[in-house]
Amino acid sequence: MRKIITNKVKCRLCGDVIESTYRNDIKSCKCGEITVDGGTDYIRRGWQTDRANIIELSEYEEEHKIPEEEIRLFQDHLRKKWLEEIKEIGGLEAYLKGLVMTLPEIQKLKKDYKNRQQGVINNDLLYE
């Protein structure tokens, strides 16, 4: 969707340039042939005799759209990173326990895992 930067038109009959700067800001040209409304919220045009008397001068900013391929690559990157973290804390079982564990339990699990890595024996490990 395009973002409206300026909402303005020019009248072909009188040459007047009119701009609506905020919502419900209805402006008419000198001769009364055309109107502009909507500010940067929406575009609305009005005319008395012919729509062709409106010269469009509004400016838009295209919103940045991330390409689907870029999104997919980022999701793959996150998936790989998450799998590495799962392996680091003890595999799928630890991951599944982590889904229902409180933060202190998770911290204890990590501490116990580090202790196991360093050869420290702890009898009350959550898993063996």
N, C-alpha and C. Protein backbone atom coordinates (compact mmCIF):
# COMPACT_ATOMS: atom_id res chain seq x y z
N MET A 1 0.83 -1.18 0.00
CA MET A 1 0.00 0.00 0.00
C MET A 1 0.88 1.24 0.00
N ARG A 2 0.48 2.23 -0.77
CA ARG A 2 1.26 3.45 -0.88
C ARG A 2 0.92 4.42 0.25
N LYS A 3 1.93 5.07 0.77
CA LYS A 3 1.73 6.09 1.80
C LYS A 3 1.65 7.44 1.10
N ILE A 4 0.66 8.25 1.49
CA ILE A 4 0.46 9.56 0.87
C ILE A 4 1.41 10.56 1.53
N ILE A 5 2.21 11.24 0.72
CA ILE A 5 3.10 12.29 1.23
C ILE A 5 2.41 13.64 1.08
N THR A 6 1.92 13.96 -0.11
CA THR A 6 1.14 15.18 -0.33
C THR A 6 -0.10 14.83 -1.13
N ASN A 7 -1.21 15.50 -0.80
CA ASN A 7 -2.49 15.26 -1.43
C ASN A 7 -2.91 16.56 -2.11
N LYS A 8 -2.50 16.74 -3.37
CA LYS A 8 -2.83 18.00 -4.05
C LYS A 8 -3.14 17.79 -5.51
N VAL A 9 -3.88 18.78 -6.04
CA VAL A 9 -4.30 18.76 -7.44
C VAL A 9 -4.21 20.17 -8.01
N LYS A 10 -4.29 20.26 -9.35
CA LYS A 10 -4.31 21.55 -10.03
C LYS A 10 -5.55 21.59 -10.92
N CYS A 11 -6.20 22.73 -10.95
CA CYS A 11 -7.39 22.90 -11.78
C CYS A 11 -6.97 23.33 -13.19
N ARG A 12 -7.47 22.64 -14.21
CA ARG A 12 -7.17 22.99 -15.60
C ARG A 12 -7.83 24.32 -16.00
N LEU A 13 -8.92 24.68 -15.37
CA LEU A 13 -9.64 25.89 -15.75
C LEU A 13 -9.00 27.17 -15.19
N CYS A 14 -8.77 27.20 -13.87
CA CYS A 14 -8.23 28.42 -13.27
C CYS A 14 -6.75 28.34 -12.94
N GLY A 15 -6.14 27.13 -13.00
CA GLY A 15 -4.72 26.96 -12.73
C GLY A 15 -4.37 26.94 -11.26
N ASP A 16 -5.38 26.98 -10.40
CA ASP A 16 -5.15 26.98 -8.95
C ASP A 16 -4.65 25.60 -8.49
N VAL A 17 -3.61 25.58 -7.65
CA VAL A 17 -3.11 24.35 -7.04
C VAL A 17 -3.64 24.32 -5.61
N ILE A 18 -4.35 23.25 -5.27
CA ILE A 18 -4.91 23.13 -3.92
C ILE A 18 -4.41 21.86 -3.28
N GLU A 19 -4.22 21.92 -1.95
CA GLU A 19 -3.69 20.78 -1.20
C GLU A 19 -4.48 20.59 0.07
N SER A 20 -4.81 19.34 0.36
CA SER A 20 -5.45 18.97 1.61
C SER A 20 -4.36 18.42 2.52
N THR A 21 -4.24 18.99 3.73
CA THR A 21 -3.12 18.61 4.60
C THR A 21 -3.51 17.71 5.77
N TYR A 22 -4.81 17.57 6.04
CA TYR A 22 -5.24 16.70 7.12
C TYR A 22 -6.62 16.11 6.78
N ARG A 23 -7.02 15.09 7.52
CA ARG A 23 -8.30 14.41 7.31
C ARG A 23 -9.46 15.42 7.34
N ASN A 24 -10.40 15.28 6.41
CA ASN A 24 -11.58 16.16 6.29
C ASN A 24 -11.22 17.62 6.02
N ASP A 25 -10.05 17.83 5.44
CA ASP A 25 -9.61 19.19 5.06
C ASP A 25 -9.99 19.40 3.59
N ILE A 26 -11.26 19.78 3.37
CA ILE A 26 -11.77 19.93 2.00
C ILE A 26 -11.42 21.31 1.49
N LYS A 27 -10.72 21.34 0.36
CA LYS A 27 -10.31 22.60 -0.26
C LYS A 27 -10.86 22.65 -1.68
N SER A 28 -11.23 23.86 -2.13
CA SER A 28 -11.72 24.07 -3.49
C SER A 28 -10.82 25.06 -4.21
N CYS A 29 -10.78 24.94 -5.53
CA CYS A 29 -10.02 25.91 -6.32
C CYS A 29 -10.79 27.24 -6.40
N LYS A 30 -10.14 28.28 -6.96
CA LYS A 30 -10.75 29.62 -7.06
C LYS A 30 -12.07 29.61 -7.82
N CYS A 31 -12.14 28.85 -8.91
CA CYS A 31 -13.35 28.86 -9.74
C CYS A 31 -14.41 27.88 -9.23
N GLY A 32 -14.05 27.04 -8.24
CA GLY A 32 -15.02 26.11 -7.67
C GLY A 32 -15.24 24.84 -8.48
N GLU A 33 -14.44 24.61 -9.49
CA GLU A 33 -14.61 23.44 -10.35
C GLU A 33 -14.20 22.14 -9.65
N ILE A 34 -13.10 22.16 -8.87
CA ILE A 34 -12.60 20.91 -8.27
C ILE A 34 -12.40 21.08 -6.77
N THR A 35 -12.39 19.93 -6.07
CA THR A 35 -12.09 19.90 -4.64
C THR A 35 -11.12 18.77 -4.37
N VAL A 36 -10.40 18.91 -3.25
CA VAL A 36 -9.47 17.88 -2.78
C VAL A 36 -9.76 17.67 -1.30
N ASP A 37 -9.59 16.43 -0.82
CA ASP A 37 -9.90 16.11 0.57
C ASP A 37 -9.07 14.91 1.02
N GLY A 38 -8.84 14.82 2.32
CA GLY A 38 -8.25 13.61 2.91
C GLY A 38 -6.87 13.76 3.52
N GLY A 39 -6.16 14.84 3.23
CA GLY A 39 -4.81 14.99 3.78
C GLY A 39 -3.94 13.80 3.42
N THR A 40 -3.19 13.30 4.40
CA THR A 40 -2.35 12.12 4.15
C THR A 40 -3.04 10.83 4.58
N ASP A 41 -4.33 10.91 4.94
CA ASP A 41 -5.07 9.72 5.34
C ASP A 41 -5.74 9.01 4.16
N TYR A 42 -6.31 9.80 3.24
CA TYR A 42 -7.00 9.21 2.09
C TYR A 42 -7.07 10.24 0.97
N ILE A 43 -7.37 9.78 -0.25
CA ILE A 43 -7.49 10.64 -1.43
C ILE A 43 -8.96 10.72 -1.84
N ARG A 44 -9.48 11.94 -1.91
CA ARG A 44 -10.84 12.13 -2.41
C ARG A 44 -10.84 13.36 -3.32
N ARG A 45 -11.47 13.22 -4.47
CA ARG A 45 -11.57 14.31 -5.44
C ARG A 45 -13.03 14.62 -5.72
N GLY A 46 -13.30 15.89 -5.99
CA GLY A 46 -14.64 16.29 -6.39
C GLY A 46 -14.55 17.24 -7.57
N TRP A 47 -15.60 17.29 -8.42
CA TRP A 47 -15.61 18.18 -9.58
C TRP A 47 -17.05 18.57 -9.90
N GLN A 48 -17.20 19.72 -10.54
CA GLN A 48 -18.53 20.22 -10.90
C GLN A 48 -18.97 19.72 -12.26
N THR A 49 -18.13 19.86 -13.28
CA THR A 49 -18.56 19.52 -14.65
C THR A 49 -17.79 18.36 -15.26
N ASP A 50 -16.45 18.30 -15.03
CA ASP A 50 -15.67 17.28 -15.73
C ASP A 50 -14.46 16.86 -14.89
N ARG A 51 -14.34 15.59 -14.69
CA ARG A 51 -13.20 15.05 -13.92
C ARG A 51 -11.88 15.35 -14.62
N ALA A 52 -11.91 15.51 -15.91
CA ALA A 52 -10.70 15.79 -16.70
C ALA A 52 -10.08 17.14 -16.34
N ASN A 53 -10.79 17.99 -15.60
CA ASN A 53 -10.26 19.28 -15.19
C ASN A 53 -9.30 19.15 -14.00
N ILE A 54 -9.12 17.92 -13.50
CA ILE A 54 -8.22 17.68 -12.37
C ILE A 54 -6.86 17.21 -12.90
N ILE A 55 -5.81 17.93 -12.53
CA ILE A 55 -4.44 17.49 -12.81
C ILE A 55 -3.88 16.98 -11.49
N GLU A 56 -3.56 15.73 -11.43
CA GLU A 56 -3.10 15.09 -10.20
C GLU A 56 -1.65 15.47 -9.89
N LEU A 57 -1.41 15.98 -8.68
CA LEU A 57 -0.06 16.36 -8.25
C LEU A 57 0.36 15.65 -6.95
N SER A 58 -0.45 14.73 -6.47
CA SER A 58 -0.15 14.05 -5.21
C SER A 58 1.14 13.26 -5.32
N GLU A 59 1.82 13.13 -4.18
CA GLU A 59 3.07 12.37 -4.12
C GLU A 59 2.90 11.22 -3.14
N TYR A 60 3.49 10.09 -3.49
CA TYR A 60 3.38 8.89 -2.68
C TYR A 60 4.76 8.34 -2.35
N GLU A 61 4.82 7.63 -1.25
CA GLU A 61 6.05 6.91 -0.89
C GLU A 61 5.70 5.43 -0.91
N GLU A 62 6.43 4.69 -1.69
CA GLU A 62 6.20 3.25 -1.74
C GLU A 62 6.72 2.61 -0.46
N GLU A 63 5.89 1.78 0.14
CA GLU A 63 6.33 1.06 1.34
C GLU A 63 7.30 -0.03 0.92
N HIS A 64 8.33 -0.22 1.73
CA HIS A 64 9.32 -1.24 1.43
C HIS A 64 8.71 -2.62 1.65
N LYS A 65 8.75 -3.42 0.61
CA LYS A 65 8.24 -4.79 0.72
C LYS A 65 9.42 -5.74 0.62
N ILE A 66 9.55 -6.59 1.61
CA ILE A 66 10.66 -7.55 1.64
C ILE A 66 10.33 -8.69 0.68
N PRO A 67 11.25 -9.01 -0.23
CA PRO A 67 11.00 -10.11 -1.18
C PRO A 67 10.81 -11.44 -0.45
N GLU A 68 9.93 -12.28 -0.99
CA GLU A 68 9.62 -13.58 -0.38
C GLU A 68 10.87 -14.44 -0.19
N GLU A 69 11.77 -14.41 -1.14
CA GLU A 69 13.00 -15.21 -1.05
C GLU A 69 13.84 -14.77 0.16
N GLU A 70 13.91 -13.47 0.38
CA GLU A 70 14.67 -12.95 1.51
C GLU A 70 14.04 -13.38 2.83
N ILE A 71 12.72 -13.39 2.90
CA ILE A 71 12.02 -13.84 4.10
C ILE A 71 12.31 -15.32 4.35
N ARG A 72 12.23 -16.13 3.29
CA ARG A 72 12.48 -17.56 3.42
C ARG A 72 13.91 -17.84 3.89
N LEU A 73 14.88 -17.12 3.33
CA LEU A 73 16.28 -17.31 3.75
C LEU A 73 16.46 -16.94 5.22
N PHE A 74 15.83 -15.86 5.65
CA PHE A 74 15.94 -15.45 7.05
C PHE A 74 15.29 -16.49 7.97
N GLN A 75 14.13 -17.03 7.57
CA GLN A 75 13.48 -18.06 8.37
C GLN A 75 14.35 -19.31 8.46
N ASP A 76 14.99 -19.69 7.36
CA ASP A 76 15.90 -20.84 7.37
C ASP A 76 17.07 -20.59 8.32
N HIS A 77 17.61 -19.37 8.29
CA HIS A 77 18.71 -19.00 9.17
C HIS A 77 18.28 -19.14 10.63
N LEU A 78 17.09 -18.62 10.96
CA LEU A 78 16.60 -18.70 12.35
C LEU A 78 16.38 -20.15 12.76
N ARG A 79 15.84 -20.95 11.84
CA ARG A 79 15.60 -22.37 12.14
C ARG A 79 16.91 -23.08 12.46
N LYS A 80 17.96 -22.84 11.65
CA LYS A 80 19.26 -23.46 11.89
C LYS A 80 19.84 -23.01 13.23
N LYS A 81 19.74 -21.72 13.50
CA LYS A 81 20.26 -21.17 14.76
C LYS A 81 19.54 -21.80 15.94
N TRP A 82 18.21 -21.94 15.84
CA TRP A 82 17.43 -22.51 16.92
C TRP A 82 17.81 -23.98 17.13
N LEU A 83 18.02 -24.73 16.05
CA LEU A 83 18.42 -26.13 16.17
C LEU A 83 19.78 -26.26 16.85
N GLU A 84 20.70 -25.34 16.54
CA GLU A 84 22.00 -25.35 17.19
C GLU A 84 21.85 -25.12 18.69
N GLU A 85 20.97 -24.21 19.06
CA GLU A 85 20.74 -23.94 20.49
C GLU A 85 20.11 -25.14 21.17
N ILE A 86 19.21 -25.83 20.49
CA ILE A 86 18.59 -27.02 21.06
C ILE A 86 19.65 -28.08 21.34
N LYS A 87 20.56 -28.30 20.38
CA LYS A 87 21.63 -29.27 20.58
C LYS A 87 22.51 -28.87 21.75
N GLU A 88 22.74 -27.57 21.88
CA GLU A 88 23.62 -27.06 22.92
C GLU A 88 23.07 -27.31 24.32
N ILE A 89 21.77 -27.28 24.50
CA ILE A 89 21.22 -27.47 25.86
C ILE A 89 20.72 -28.89 26.10
N GLY A 90 21.03 -29.81 25.24
CA GLY A 90 20.73 -31.20 25.54
C GLY A 90 19.73 -31.87 24.64
N GLY A 91 19.51 -31.38 23.49
CA GLY A 91 18.67 -32.09 22.52
C GLY A 91 17.20 -31.79 22.63
N LEU A 92 16.42 -32.59 21.91
CA LEU A 92 14.99 -32.38 21.78
C LEU A 92 14.26 -32.52 23.11
N GLU A 93 14.67 -33.49 23.93
CA GLU A 93 14.01 -33.68 25.22
C GLU A 93 14.10 -32.42 26.07
N ALA A 94 15.28 -31.83 26.12
CA ALA A 94 15.45 -30.60 26.88
C ALA A 94 14.64 -29.47 26.27
N TYR A 95 14.57 -29.46 24.95
CA TYR A 95 13.78 -28.43 24.27
C TYR A 95 12.31 -28.55 24.65
N LEU A 96 11.78 -29.77 24.61
CA LEU A 96 10.38 -29.97 24.96
C LEU A 96 10.11 -29.64 26.42
N LYS A 97 11.04 -30.00 27.31
CA LYS A 97 10.89 -29.62 28.71
C LYS A 97 10.90 -28.10 28.84
N GLY A 98 11.72 -27.45 28.04
CA GLY A 98 11.85 -26.00 28.09
C GLY A 98 10.56 -25.28 27.72
N LEU A 99 9.71 -25.94 26.95
CA LEU A 99 8.45 -25.30 26.56
C LEU A 99 7.52 -25.08 27.75
N VAL A 100 7.67 -25.91 28.78
CA VAL A 100 6.79 -25.80 29.94
C VAL A 100 7.55 -25.44 31.22
N MET A 101 8.81 -25.09 31.09
CA MET A 101 9.62 -24.78 32.26
C MET A 101 9.58 -23.29 32.57
N THR A 102 9.80 -22.97 33.83
CA THR A 102 9.92 -21.59 34.24
C THR A 102 11.34 -21.11 33.98
N LEU A 103 11.55 -19.83 34.04
CA LEU A 103 12.88 -19.28 33.80
C LEU A 103 13.92 -19.83 34.79
N PRO A 104 13.64 -19.88 36.10
CA PRO A 104 14.64 -20.46 37.01
C PRO A 104 14.98 -21.92 36.68
N GLU A 105 13.97 -22.70 36.23
CA GLU A 105 14.24 -24.09 35.86
C GLU A 105 15.14 -24.15 34.63
N ILE A 106 14.90 -23.27 33.68
CA ILE A 106 15.74 -23.23 32.48
C ILE A 106 17.16 -22.84 32.84
N GLN A 107 17.31 -21.84 33.73
CA GLN A 107 18.64 -21.42 34.15
C GLN A 107 19.36 -22.55 34.87
N LYS A 108 18.65 -23.29 35.71
CA LYS A 108 19.26 -24.43 36.41
C LYS A 108 19.68 -25.50 35.40
N LEU A 109 18.84 -25.74 34.39
CA LEU A 109 19.16 -26.71 33.36
C LEU A 109 20.44 -26.33 32.63
N LYS A 110 20.56 -25.08 32.28
CA LYS A 110 21.77 -24.61 31.59
C LYS A 110 23.00 -24.74 32.48
N LYS A 111 22.83 -24.37 33.75
CA LYS A 111 23.94 -24.46 34.69
C LYS A 111 24.38 -25.92 34.85
N ASP A 112 23.41 -26.82 35.01
CA ASP A 112 23.72 -28.23 35.16
C ASP A 112 24.40 -28.78 33.91
N TYR A 113 23.95 -28.31 32.75
CA TYR A 113 24.57 -28.76 31.50
C TYR A 113 26.02 -28.31 31.43
N LYS A 114 26.28 -27.06 31.82
CA LYS A 114 27.66 -26.56 31.81
C LYS A 114 28.52 -27.34 32.80
N ASN A 115 27.94 -27.64 33.96
CA ASN A 115 28.68 -28.43 34.95
C ASN A 115 29.01 -29.81 34.40
N ARG A 116 28.06 -30.42 33.68
CA ARG A 116 28.33 -31.73 33.07
C ARG A 116 29.44 -31.62 32.05
N GLN A 117 29.45 -30.54 31.30
CA GLN A 117 30.49 -30.33 30.30
C GLN A 117 31.85 -30.23 30.97
N GLN A 118 31.87 -29.65 32.17
CA GLN A 118 33.14 -29.46 32.88
C GLN A 118 33.49 -30.63 33.78
N GLY A 119 32.63 -31.65 33.80
CA GLY A 119 32.92 -32.85 34.58
C GLY A 119 32.46 -32.78 36.02
N VAL A 120 31.68 -31.78 36.40
CA VAL A 120 31.16 -31.67 37.77
C VAL A 120 29.93 -32.57 37.87
N ILE A 121 29.90 -33.40 38.91
CA ILE A 121 28.78 -34.32 39.07
C ILE A 121 27.75 -33.69 40.00
N ASN A 122 26.48 -33.74 39.57
CA ASN A 122 25.37 -33.19 40.35
C ASN A 122 24.25 -34.23 40.33
N ASN A 123 23.87 -34.74 41.52
CA ASN A 123 22.90 -35.83 41.58
C ASN A 123 21.46 -35.41 41.26
N ASP A 124 21.15 -34.12 41.38
CA ASP A 124 19.77 -33.72 41.14
C ASP A 124 19.60 -33.04 39.77
N LEU A 125 20.26 -33.61 38.77
CA LEU A 125 20.08 -33.12 37.40
C LEU A 125 18.65 -33.42 36.93
N LEU A 126 18.12 -32.55 36.08
CA LEU A 126 16.77 -32.77 35.55
C LEU A 126 16.74 -33.94 34.58
N TYR A 127 17.85 -34.23 33.96
CA TYR A 127 17.94 -35.35 33.05
C TYR A 127 19.36 -35.90 33.10
N GLU A 128 19.53 -37.12 32.65
CA GLU A 128 20.88 -37.72 32.66
C GLU A 128 21.25 -38.27 31.31
